[in-house]
Protein backbone atom coordinates (compact mmCIF):
# COMPACT_ATOMS: atom_id res chain seq x y z
CA UNK A 1 76.91 -18.11 -28.41
CA UNK A 2 75.50 -20.51 -25.86
CA UNK A 3 71.96 -21.53 -25.10
CA UNK A 4 71.57 -20.77 -21.42
CA UNK A 5 68.85 -23.35 -21.04
CA UNK A 6 71.25 -26.16 -21.95
CA UNK A 7 73.62 -25.60 -19.03
CA UNK A 8 71.57 -26.49 -16.00
CA UNK A 9 72.94 -25.11 -12.81
CA UNK A 10 75.59 -22.95 -14.46
CA UNK A 11 73.74 -19.67 -14.17
CA UNK A 12 73.66 -17.41 -11.16
CA UNK A 13 71.04 -18.63 -8.74
CA UNK A 14 69.66 -17.35 -5.48
CA UNK A 15 68.31 -19.57 -2.73
CA UNK A 16 67.02 -19.08 0.77
CA UNK A 17 68.48 -21.21 3.54
CA UNK A 18 67.53 -20.83 7.18
CA UNK A 19 66.16 -17.38 6.47
CA UNK A 20 69.33 -16.04 4.80
CA UNK A 21 69.69 -15.14 1.12
CA UNK A 22 72.45 -17.15 -0.54
CA UNK A 23 73.79 -16.40 -4.01
CA UNK A 24 75.25 -19.40 -5.81
CA UNK A 25 77.91 -18.88 -8.49
CA UNK A 26 79.41 -21.58 -10.69
CA UNK A 27 83.04 -21.38 -11.78
CA UNK A 28 84.70 -23.39 -14.55
CA UNK A 29 88.32 -24.45 -15.13
CA UNK A 30 89.52 -27.09 -17.62
CA UNK A 31 92.64 -27.92 -15.60
CA UNK A 32 93.16 -30.60 -12.95
CA UNK A 33 92.45 -30.13 -9.22
CA UNK A 34 96.13 -30.58 -8.31
CA UNK A 35 97.35 -28.00 -10.83
CA UNK A 36 98.62 -24.61 -9.68
CA UNK A 37 95.51 -23.09 -11.26
CA UNK A 38 93.12 -25.61 -9.76
CA UNK A 39 94.58 -25.08 -6.32
CA UNK A 40 94.46 -21.32 -6.70
CA UNK A 41 90.81 -21.44 -7.73
CA UNK A 42 90.00 -23.70 -4.78
CA UNK A 43 91.63 -21.14 -2.49
CA UNK A 44 89.57 -18.35 -4.09
CA UNK A 45 86.30 -20.26 -3.70
CA UNK A 46 87.08 -21.08 -0.06
CA UNK A 47 87.88 -17.44 0.71
CA UNK A 48 84.52 -16.33 -0.71
CA UNK A 49 82.52 -19.18 0.77
CA UNK A 50 83.96 -18.62 4.24
CA UNK A 51 83.52 -14.83 4.16
CA UNK A 52 80.00 -14.85 5.60
CA UNK A 53 78.86 -12.59 2.76
CA UNK A 54 76.13 -14.94 1.52
CA UNK A 55 77.96 -15.97 -1.68
CA UNK A 56 78.66 -19.63 -2.45
CA UNK A 57 81.02 -20.52 -5.32
CA UNK A 58 80.90 -24.03 -6.75
CA UNK A 59 84.13 -24.78 -8.61
CA UNK A 60 84.01 -27.24 -11.51
CA UNK A 61 87.52 -28.47 -12.36
CA UNK A 62 88.80 -30.68 -15.16
CA UNK A 63 86.32 -29.18 -17.63
CA UNK A 64 83.42 -30.80 -15.78
CA UNK A 65 80.90 -28.32 -17.20
CA UNK A 66 82.03 -29.07 -20.74
CA UNK A 67 83.84 -25.76 -21.28
CA UNK A 68 87.40 -25.43 -22.55
CA UNK A 69 89.39 -22.23 -22.30
CA UNK A 70 88.42 -21.34 -25.87
CA UNK A 71 84.74 -21.35 -24.82
CA UNK A 72 85.05 -19.25 -21.70
CA UNK A 73 84.97 -15.68 -23.01
CA UNK A 74 81.58 -16.21 -24.66
CA UNK A 75 80.27 -18.40 -21.85
CA UNK A 76 81.00 -15.78 -19.20
CA UNK A 77 79.91 -12.90 -21.43
CA UNK A 78 76.58 -14.59 -22.09
CA UNK A 79 76.08 -15.35 -18.39
CA UNK A 80 76.04 -19.10 -18.98
CA UNK A 81 78.69 -19.48 -16.29
CA UNK A 82 79.51 -16.50 -14.05
CA UNK A 83 83.24 -17.11 -13.47
CA UNK A 84 85.91 -18.88 -15.53
CA UNK A 85 89.63 -19.61 -15.45
CA UNK A 86 91.01 -19.20 -18.99
CA UNK A 87 94.39 -19.77 -20.61
CA UNK A 88 95.53 -16.38 -21.89
CA UNK A 89 96.72 -17.62 -25.26
CA UNK A 90 93.22 -18.49 -26.44
CA UNK A 91 92.16 -14.87 -25.92
CA UNK A 92 94.81 -13.63 -28.35
CA UNK A 93 92.42 -14.10 -31.27
CA UNK A 94 90.38 -11.27 -29.75
CA UNK A 95 93.33 -9.15 -28.64
CA UNK A 96 97.03 -10.01 -29.18
CA UNK A 97 97.91 -8.20 -25.94
CA UNK A 98 97.21 -11.56 -24.27
CA UNK A 99 100.32 -13.00 -25.92
CA UNK A 100 102.66 -10.74 -23.95
CA UNK A 101 102.97 -13.27 -21.12
CA UNK A 102 104.15 -15.96 -23.53
CA UNK A 103 106.60 -13.87 -25.53
CA UNK A 104 109.62 -16.16 -25.72
CA UNK A 105 112.57 -15.42 -23.41
CA UNK A 106 111.22 -12.04 -22.24
CA UNK A 107 110.54 -12.99 -18.58
CA UNK A 108 113.24 -15.23 -17.14
CA UNK A 109 111.91 -15.80 -13.59
CA UNK A 110 108.76 -15.38 -11.47
CA UNK A 111 109.67 -11.82 -10.46
CA UNK A 112 110.02 -10.74 -14.07
CA UNK A 113 106.85 -12.60 -15.07
CA UNK A 114 104.90 -10.72 -12.41
CA UNK A 115 106.38 -7.40 -13.49
CA UNK A 116 105.27 -8.16 -17.06
CA UNK A 117 101.78 -9.00 -15.81
CA UNK A 118 101.53 -5.77 -13.83
CA UNK A 119 102.67 -3.75 -16.84
CA UNK A 120 99.96 -5.31 -19.01
CA UNK A 121 97.20 -5.54 -16.41
CA UNK A 122 95.43 -2.25 -17.34
CA UNK A 123 95.04 -3.56 -20.88
CA UNK A 124 93.73 -6.91 -19.66
CA UNK A 125 91.20 -5.16 -17.44
CA UNK A 126 90.03 -2.90 -20.26
CA UNK A 127 89.54 -5.92 -22.54
CA UNK A 128 87.32 -7.77 -20.09
CA UNK A 129 85.29 -4.62 -19.36
CA UNK A 130 84.65 -4.24 -23.10
CA UNK A 131 83.23 -7.76 -23.06
CA UNK A 132 80.92 -7.19 -20.08
CA UNK A 133 83.29 -8.84 -17.64
CA UNK A 134 85.90 -8.05 -15.02
CA UNK A 135 89.36 -9.45 -14.39
CA UNK A 136 89.64 -10.98 -10.93
CA UNK A 137 93.17 -12.38 -10.82
CA UNK A 138 95.87 -14.22 -12.76
CA UNK A 139 97.24 -17.74 -12.40
CA UNK A 140 100.86 -17.95 -13.63
CA UNK A 141 102.42 -21.08 -15.09
CA UNK A 142 105.96 -22.14 -14.22
CA UNK A 143 108.37 -21.71 -17.11
CA UNK A 144 107.71 -23.76 -20.24
CA UNK A 145 110.15 -26.38 -21.51
CA UNK A 146 110.23 -29.18 -24.05
CA UNK A 147 108.74 -32.60 -23.28
CA UNK A 148 109.81 -35.49 -25.53
CA UNK A 149 111.14 -39.04 -25.54
CA UNK A 150 114.67 -37.76 -26.03
CA UNK A 151 116.89 -34.93 -24.87
CA UNK A 152 116.02 -31.81 -26.88
CA UNK A 153 119.19 -29.85 -26.21
CA UNK A 154 120.55 -29.32 -29.73
CA UNK A 155 119.29 -27.78 -32.95
CA UNK A 156 119.31 -31.21 -34.58
CA UNK A 157 117.20 -32.79 -31.80
CA UNK A 158 114.50 -30.12 -32.23
CA UNK A 159 114.35 -30.31 -36.03
CA UNK A 160 111.10 -31.83 -37.31
CA UNK A 161 109.69 -32.73 -33.88
CA UNK A 162 105.88 -32.68 -33.82
CA UNK A 163 105.36 -30.52 -30.73
CA UNK A 164 102.15 -29.35 -29.10
CA UNK A 165 102.04 -25.60 -28.44
CA UNK A 166 99.53 -23.63 -26.36
CA UNK A 167 99.33 -20.41 -28.38
CA UNK A 168 100.42 -18.71 -31.58
CA UNK A 169 103.67 -17.44 -30.02
CA UNK A 170 104.86 -20.97 -29.36
CA UNK A 171 103.72 -22.11 -32.79
CA UNK A 172 105.58 -19.35 -34.59
CA UNK A 173 108.71 -19.75 -32.46
CA UNK A 174 108.95 -23.49 -33.05
CA UNK A 175 108.26 -23.15 -36.77
CA UNK A 176 111.09 -20.65 -37.01
CA UNK A 177 113.28 -23.04 -34.98
CA UNK A 178 112.62 -25.92 -37.38
CA UNK A 179 110.18 -28.05 -35.38
CA UNK A 180 106.67 -29.08 -36.49
CA UNK A 181 104.30 -27.48 -33.95
CA UNK A 182 100.57 -28.10 -33.54
CA UNK A 183 98.46 -25.80 -31.34
CA UNK A 184 96.16 -27.89 -29.13
CA UNK A 185 93.81 -27.35 -26.23
CA UNK A 186 95.04 -28.86 -22.98
CA UNK A 187 92.23 -31.42 -23.04
CA UNK A 188 93.54 -32.81 -26.33
CA UNK A 189 97.18 -33.24 -25.32
CA UNK A 190 97.14 -36.63 -23.59
CA UNK A 191 94.87 -38.25 -26.23
CA UNK A 192 97.27 -37.04 -28.94
CA UNK A 193 100.26 -38.40 -27.01
CA UNK A 194 98.52 -41.73 -26.51
CA UNK A 195 97.75 -42.12 -30.23
CA UNK A 196 101.10 -40.81 -31.49
CA UNK A 197 99.59 -37.66 -32.98
CA UNK A 198 102.34 -35.59 -31.34
CA UNK A 199 105.89 -36.46 -30.29
CA UNK A 200 106.31 -33.80 -27.65
CA UNK A 201 104.80 -30.89 -25.78
CA UNK A 202 105.80 -27.31 -25.08
CA UNK A 203 104.63 -26.79 -21.50
CA UNK A 204 105.98 -26.63 -17.98
CA UNK A 205 107.11 -29.41 -15.69
CA UNK A 206 103.92 -28.51 -13.82
CA UNK A 207 101.80 -29.49 -16.79
CA UNK A 208 103.63 -32.79 -17.08
CA UNK A 209 103.05 -33.63 -13.43
CA UNK A 210 99.35 -32.79 -13.62
CA UNK A 211 98.73 -34.86 -16.75
CA UNK A 212 101.05 -37.79 -15.88
CA UNK A 213 103.31 -37.24 -18.87
CA UNK A 214 105.70 -39.84 -17.47
CA UNK A 215 103.33 -42.45 -18.91
CA UNK A 216 104.10 -41.19 -22.42
CA UNK A 217 107.31 -39.10 -22.39
CA UNK A 218 110.68 -39.67 -20.73
CA UNK A 219 112.50 -36.31 -20.88
CA UNK A 220 111.85 -32.70 -19.87
CA UNK A 221 114.34 -30.19 -21.27
CA UNK A 222 114.45 -26.85 -19.46
CA UNK A 223 114.69 -23.89 -21.84
CA UNK A 224 112.97 -21.17 -19.74
CA UNK A 225 110.83 -20.31 -22.73
CA UNK A 226 108.05 -18.27 -21.07
CA UNK A 227 105.74 -18.13 -18.05
CA UNK A 228 102.25 -17.69 -19.52
CA UNK A 229 99.12 -16.80 -17.58
CA UNK A 230 95.62 -18.01 -16.98
CA UNK A 231 93.02 -15.32 -16.28
CA UNK A 232 90.06 -15.60 -13.92
CA UNK A 233 87.23 -13.38 -15.11
CA UNK A 234 83.65 -12.77 -14.00
CA UNK A 235 80.45 -11.63 -15.67
CA UNK A 236 80.04 -7.94 -14.76
CA UNK A 237 76.24 -8.14 -14.38
CA UNK A 238 76.58 -11.13 -12.06
CA UNK A 239 79.01 -9.14 -9.93
CA UNK A 240 76.80 -6.04 -9.88
CA UNK A 241 73.79 -8.16 -8.85
CA UNK A 242 75.54 -9.12 -5.61
CA UNK A 243 74.93 -7.12 -2.44
CA UNK A 244 77.82 -4.84 -1.38
CA UNK A 245 79.17 -7.37 1.10
CA UNK A 246 79.17 -10.05 -1.62
CA UNK A 247 81.03 -7.80 -4.04
CA UNK A 248 83.61 -7.00 -1.38
CA UNK A 249 84.07 -10.71 -0.64
CA UNK A 250 84.82 -11.36 -4.32
CA UNK A 251 87.27 -8.45 -4.55
CA UNK A 252 89.08 -9.38 -1.32
CA UNK A 253 89.31 -13.06 -2.26
CA UNK A 254 90.63 -12.18 -5.72
CA UNK A 255 93.39 -10.00 -4.27
CA UNK A 256 94.37 -12.68 -1.77
CA UNK A 257 94.40 -15.35 -4.49
CA UNK A 258 96.48 -13.23 -6.84
CA UNK A 259 99.13 -12.81 -4.13
CA UNK A 260 98.94 -16.49 -3.21
CA UNK A 261 99.38 -17.69 -6.78
CA UNK A 262 102.54 -15.67 -7.39
CA UNK A 263 104.02 -16.73 -4.07
CA UNK A 264 103.24 -20.39 -4.76
CA UNK A 265 105.13 -20.20 -8.04
CA UNK A 266 108.50 -19.81 -6.34
CA UNK A 267 108.65 -23.34 -4.91
CA UNK A 268 106.67 -25.09 -7.61
CA UNK A 269 109.54 -25.93 -9.96
CA UNK A 270 111.61 -27.78 -7.35
CA UNK A 271 108.56 -29.71 -6.15
CA UNK A 272 107.65 -30.68 -9.71
CA UNK A 273 111.20 -31.80 -10.48
CA UNK A 274 111.24 -33.94 -7.35
CA UNK A 275 107.97 -35.59 -8.38
CA UNK A 276 109.11 -36.17 -11.96
CA UNK A 277 112.44 -37.69 -10.97
CA UNK A 278 110.55 -40.04 -8.69
CA UNK A 279 108.51 -41.10 -11.73
CA UNK A 280 111.64 -41.79 -13.77
CA UNK A 281 111.58 -38.65 -15.90
CA UNK A 282 114.99 -37.31 -16.93
CA UNK A 283 115.30 -33.55 -16.28
CA UNK A 284 117.72 -31.77 -18.61
CA UNK A 285 118.64 -28.37 -17.13
CA UNK A 286 121.09 -27.12 -19.79
CA UNK A 287 120.97 -26.85 -23.57
CA UNK A 288 123.81 -26.17 -25.96
CA UNK A 289 124.81 -22.56 -26.71
CA UNK A 290 123.96 -23.27 -30.35
CA UNK A 291 120.36 -24.16 -29.47
CA UNK A 292 120.10 -21.14 -27.17
CA UNK A 293 121.18 -18.85 -30.01
CA UNK A 294 118.93 -20.66 -32.48
CA UNK A 295 115.88 -20.22 -30.23
CA UNK A 296 116.76 -16.58 -29.57
CA UNK A 297 116.82 -15.91 -33.31
CA UNK A 298 113.43 -17.59 -33.71
CA UNK A 299 112.05 -15.62 -30.78
CA UNK A 300 113.18 -12.27 -32.15
CA UNK A 301 110.91 -12.71 -35.16
CA UNK A 302 107.95 -13.45 -32.89
CA UNK A 303 108.62 -10.38 -30.73
CA UNK A 304 108.83 -8.13 -33.78
CA UNK A 305 105.57 -9.52 -35.17
CA UNK A 306 103.81 -9.04 -31.82
CA UNK A 307 104.94 -5.44 -31.54
CA UNK A 308 103.65 -4.78 -35.04
CA UNK A 309 100.26 -6.32 -34.18
CA UNK A 310 99.82 -4.49 -30.86
CA UNK A 311 101.21 -1.09 -31.89
CA UNK A 312 101.31 1.56 -29.19
CA UNK A 313 99.77 -0.70 -26.54
CA UNK A 314 102.42 -3.40 -26.93
CA UNK A 315 105.22 -0.85 -26.98
CA UNK A 316 103.87 0.79 -23.82
CA UNK A 317 103.67 -2.55 -22.00
CA UNK A 318 107.24 -3.54 -22.87
CA UNK A 319 108.51 -0.06 -22.05
CA UNK A 320 106.90 -0.16 -18.58
CA UNK A 321 108.16 -3.69 -18.06
CA UNK A 322 111.66 -2.77 -19.17
CA UNK A 323 111.77 0.10 -16.69
CA UNK A 324 110.77 -2.23 -13.84
CA UNK A 325 113.42 -4.86 -14.63
CA UNK A 326 116.21 -2.61 -15.88
CA UNK A 327 116.12 -3.52 -19.57
CA UNK A 328 115.13 -1.60 -22.66
CA UNK A 329 112.75 -2.75 -25.41
């Protein structure tokens, strides 16, 4: 739990300016301003701030308030910060339903990733409500691949590699595939690369652009592993304390941002590849059939374990998703 007195300025505050009540809300995100999540959150804040509803959101990017994704559920629940953008994988310790977006090789493209999100959204919303919060919108990541200083396109190239993963799904998959994964917060990735603590990273080309991976790693191997989600959530009491027009501004901005984020995903991969090639990074767009089969075998174990953990809820999500994309699970 957090001591609210230690985080000056992070609580909901009301001020009076030129005779009009103004509610100030802080929002935290550990990712960079130029990331797809940072840009989405900036769009959200601008939509609210320009609504004329008397609500002013101050967005703190790059972990400026000192919060990492792992801190955000408690921080928002305690009212220390009203709104946060949180990597879904860190919430899996509270509910494994949050691992559905990073199940390996389940969603192959942005359309399928969104269908998976929509299938699971009622469960996400119920989770946040149980914790005194509300889900505002999701921020999808482009598909994850393998960053390293060599081409990772064979079973032998992957064997023994010390790879950073972002959640337990990635950790279990890479263990089963023969690598040596370490689950790390995003803030710890570049320091570990700089000191040689890790040899590679499971993340998207997007992540590599944002964190200037070209300074440490030379290759990005596309494996279309998964398209995980960040979740933007708000303290329920802070929302209820707003006047009706303020609440509506939040709801409208969240809907607009959700649509914007999914639309932005479509062009993001090509833009990231263009940037990386300009920085000298080698993009590997095909892996051997042997590695594809090897990763699929590793992934099947992870999917089975997840279904066992989530029971009826997980089965219902995959069933609804399968119906929407024409596959059975």
